[in-house]
C-alpha cells in the first residue's frame, strides 16, 4: 500500500504544475467529443457556393463563426485516435453543428494548405499557429470542450478569402 501511495504521489506531483509554472493542467476530453452523434468528424468540403462563411463571435458557450474553440479532432487515419486541439469555426453546418478548420502550432511556412495566423489567446503558451485549409470538420456544440477566443476580423477575413479562393465558398465577413 505504501508503494502505491508513493507512486500516486509521484504521478500527482508530475501532473500538477508547480507555482509559477506555465505548463497547463492536463484536460479531460469528454467521451462524447470522441464518439457518437456529438463527435467532431472530418467532412468532405461542400462544392462551390455550398458554404456561407460568416463572422459572428459571441461569448455564449456555443461555437460561433469567428471563434476558436477546443474539441477532440480525429487523426487522418480515422482509426479512433485523435487529439484535443483548437479549431476555427467558419460557418453554421446544422442547428447543432458548425464547420471548422483545425489549427496547429507546427510550422508550415510555404505550405499551400496552411495559412499563418500568428499568436493568440487560444494558445496559453502563445506559440505561432497555422490554420489547415485542406481539412474541414463538423463540430457538435456538445463536442466542444471550451471557447478559447474570438479571432479578430482581419485575420478571419484572410482565412475566409483563402477558403473562397480555394473552394468558391461565399464569404460574408
Protein backbone atom coordinates (compact mmCIF):
# COMPACT_ATOMS: atom_id res chain seq x y z
CA UNK A 1 0.00 0.00 0.00
CA UNK A 2 2.85 2.40 0.81
CA UNK A 3 4.43 1.76 -2.60
CA UNK A 4 1.12 2.53 -4.36
CA UNK A 5 0.68 5.81 -2.44
CA UNK A 6 4.25 6.72 -3.26
CA UNK A 7 3.67 6.11 -6.96
CA UNK A 8 0.38 8.04 -6.91
CA UNK A 9 2.12 10.88 -5.08
CA UNK A 10 4.84 11.00 -7.73
CA UNK A 11 2.29 10.99 -10.56
CA UNK A 12 0.28 13.69 -8.83
CA UNK A 13 3.34 15.91 -8.41
CA UNK A 14 4.38 15.38 -12.04
CA UNK A 15 0.93 16.16 -13.41
CA UNK A 16 0.30 19.16 -11.13
CA UNK A 17 2.27 22.23 -12.24
CA UNK A 18 4.26 23.96 -9.55
CA UNK A 19 3.53 27.55 -8.55
CA UNK A 20 4.55 29.90 -11.34
CA UNK A 21 4.66 27.11 -13.92
CA UNK A 22 3.39 27.90 -17.42
CA UNK A 23 2.55 24.25 -18.03
CA UNK A 24 -1.23 23.85 -18.38
CA UNK A 25 -3.07 21.25 -16.35
CA UNK A 26 -3.98 18.13 -18.30
CA UNK A 27 -7.54 18.31 -19.55
CA UNK A 28 -10.07 15.54 -19.78
CA UNK A 29 -11.80 15.38 -23.13
CA UNK A 30 -15.43 14.31 -22.78
CA UNK A 31 -16.07 10.89 -24.31
CA UNK A 32 -18.98 12.40 -26.26
CA UNK A 33 -16.46 14.51 -28.17
CA UNK A 34 -14.70 11.36 -29.37
CA UNK A 35 -17.55 9.03 -30.32
CA UNK A 36 -21.21 9.00 -31.18
CA UNK A 37 -23.52 11.65 -32.54
CA UNK A 38 -21.69 14.55 -30.88
CA UNK A 39 -18.19 13.63 -32.09
CA UNK A 40 -16.17 16.05 -34.16
CA UNK A 41 -15.80 14.50 -37.61
CA UNK A 42 -13.91 15.33 -40.77
CA UNK A 43 -16.31 16.07 -43.62
CA UNK A 44 -15.82 16.50 -47.37
CA UNK A 45 -15.77 20.17 -48.34
CA UNK A 46 -19.06 21.29 -49.95
CA UNK A 47 -18.82 22.41 -53.56
CA UNK A 48 -18.66 25.94 -54.93
CA UNK A 49 -21.26 28.13 -53.19
CA UNK A 50 -22.13 25.27 -50.81
CA UNK A 51 -21.00 27.04 -47.66
CA UNK A 52 -21.57 30.59 -46.33
CA UNK A 53 -18.55 31.78 -44.33
CA UNK A 54 -19.67 34.20 -41.63
CA UNK A 55 -18.16 36.14 -38.74
CA UNK A 56 -20.43 36.24 -35.68
CA UNK A 57 -18.49 35.51 -32.46
CA UNK A 58 -20.48 35.61 -29.19
CA UNK A 59 -19.14 34.62 -25.77
CA UNK A 60 -22.16 32.44 -25.02
CA UNK A 61 -20.69 28.96 -24.54
CA UNK A 62 -21.70 27.80 -28.04
CA UNK A 63 -19.32 27.59 -31.00
CA UNK A 64 -19.88 30.59 -33.27
CA UNK A 65 -18.26 31.57 -36.56
CA UNK A 66 -15.12 33.57 -35.91
CA UNK A 67 -14.32 31.81 -32.64
CA UNK A 68 -11.51 29.43 -31.90
CA UNK A 69 -12.81 26.56 -29.77
CA UNK A 70 -11.22 23.40 -28.41
CA UNK A 71 -12.56 19.99 -29.41
CA UNK A 72 -11.31 16.47 -29.91
CA UNK A 73 -10.20 16.10 -33.56
CA UNK A 74 -9.69 12.66 -35.15
CA UNK A 75 -6.38 11.83 -36.81
CA UNK A 76 -6.26 11.39 -40.60
CA UNK A 77 -6.20 7.60 -40.20
CA UNK A 78 -9.73 7.77 -38.77
CA UNK A 79 -8.92 4.81 -36.53
CA UNK A 80 -10.44 6.16 -33.31
CA UNK A 81 -7.35 8.08 -32.26
CA UNK A 82 -7.20 11.86 -32.18
CA UNK A 83 -6.17 14.92 -30.21
CA UNK A 84 -7.76 17.74 -28.25
CA UNK A 85 -6.96 20.84 -30.31
CA UNK A 86 -8.16 24.30 -31.29
CA UNK A 87 -10.29 24.78 -34.39
CA UNK A 88 -11.53 27.96 -36.08
CA UNK A 89 -15.30 27.98 -36.61
CA UNK A 90 -16.11 29.35 -40.09
CA UNK A 91 -19.81 28.66 -40.65
CA UNK A 92 -23.01 27.02 -39.42
CA UNK A 93 -23.46 23.41 -40.59
CA UNK A 94 -26.74 22.41 -38.89
CA UNK A 95 -28.65 23.69 -35.88
CA UNK A 96 -26.29 21.78 -33.54
CA UNK A 97 -23.13 21.72 -35.65
CA UNK A 98 -20.64 24.16 -37.14
CA UNK A 99 -17.96 23.89 -39.82
CA UNK A 100 -14.40 24.40 -38.60
CA UNK A 101 -10.80 24.20 -39.77
CA UNK A 102 -8.09 22.98 -37.41
CA UNK A 103 -5.16 24.91 -36.02
CA UNK A 104 -1.65 23.64 -35.41
CA UNK A 105 1.43 25.08 -33.76
CA UNK A 106 3.68 23.05 -36.06
CA UNK A 107 5.35 25.45 -38.51
CA UNK A 108 4.15 25.19 -42.12
CA UNK A 109 5.99 28.03 -43.84
CA UNK A 110 5.46 27.86 -47.60
CA UNK A 111 2.87 25.05 -47.41
CA UNK A 112 -0.08 26.00 -49.61
CA UNK A 113 -2.52 24.06 -47.39
CA UNK A 114 -1.75 26.17 -44.31
CA UNK A 115 -2.22 29.85 -43.56
CA UNK A 116 -0.18 31.56 -40.81
CA UNK A 117 -2.34 33.10 -38.06
CA UNK A 118 0.30 34.25 -35.60
CA UNK A 119 -0.29 34.06 -31.86
CA UNK A 120 -3.44 34.42 -29.82
CA UNK A 121 -5.31 33.73 -26.61
CA UNK A 122 -6.31 30.25 -27.82
CA UNK A 123 -2.78 29.00 -27.02
CA UNK A 124 -1.73 29.55 -23.39
CA UNK A 125 1.93 29.23 -24.48
CA UNK A 126 1.45 31.92 -27.17
CA UNK A 127 3.03 29.80 -29.91
CA UNK A 128 2.50 30.90 -33.53
CA UNK A 129 -0.38 29.00 -35.15
CA UNK A 130 -1.30 27.92 -38.66
CA UNK A 131 -4.77 27.08 -39.93
CA UNK A 132 -5.16 23.96 -42.10
CA UNK A 133 -7.37 24.95 -45.05
CA UNK A 134 -7.22 21.47 -46.57
CA UNK A 135 -9.38 19.67 -44.00
CA UNK A 136 -12.90 20.59 -42.89
CA UNK A 137 -14.57 19.40 -39.69
CA UNK A 138 -18.11 19.33 -38.37
CA UNK A 139 -18.13 20.19 -34.65
CA UNK A 140 -21.19 19.47 -32.50
CA UNK A 141 -21.84 22.07 -29.80
CA UNK A 142 -21.78 19.28 -27.17
CA UNK A 143 -18.45 18.00 -28.55
CA UNK A 144 -16.77 21.35 -27.98
CA UNK A 145 -14.66 21.45 -24.82
CA UNK A 146 -14.43 25.24 -24.46
CA UNK A 147 -14.41 28.58 -26.23
CA UNK A 148 -10.86 29.90 -26.38
CA UNK A 149 -11.18 33.30 -28.03
CA UNK A 150 -12.59 35.16 -31.00
CA UNK A 151 -10.20 35.64 -33.89
CA UNK A 152 -10.01 39.29 -34.91
CA UNK A 153 -11.92 40.23 -38.07
CA UNK A 154 -8.74 41.00 -40.05
CA UNK A 155 -7.23 37.55 -39.63
CA UNK A 156 -10.62 35.86 -40.03
CA UNK A 157 -11.07 37.77 -43.31
CA UNK A 158 -7.71 36.43 -44.58
CA UNK A 159 -8.83 32.87 -43.80
CA UNK A 160 -12.24 33.47 -45.44
CA UNK A 161 -10.63 34.89 -48.60
CA UNK A 162 -8.29 31.91 -48.88
CA UNK A 163 -11.18 29.45 -48.40
CA UNK A 164 -13.21 31.37 -51.01
CA UNK A 165 -10.28 31.25 -53.45
CA UNK A 166 -9.79 27.53 -52.92
CA UNK A 167 -13.39 26.27 -52.67
CA UNK A 168 -15.59 29.04 -54.06
CA UNK A 169 -17.49 29.44 -50.79
CA UNK A 170 -19.33 32.69 -50.18
CA UNK A 171 -17.84 34.95 -47.54
CA UNK A 172 -19.98 37.41 -45.58
CA UNK A 173 -17.36 38.99 -43.32
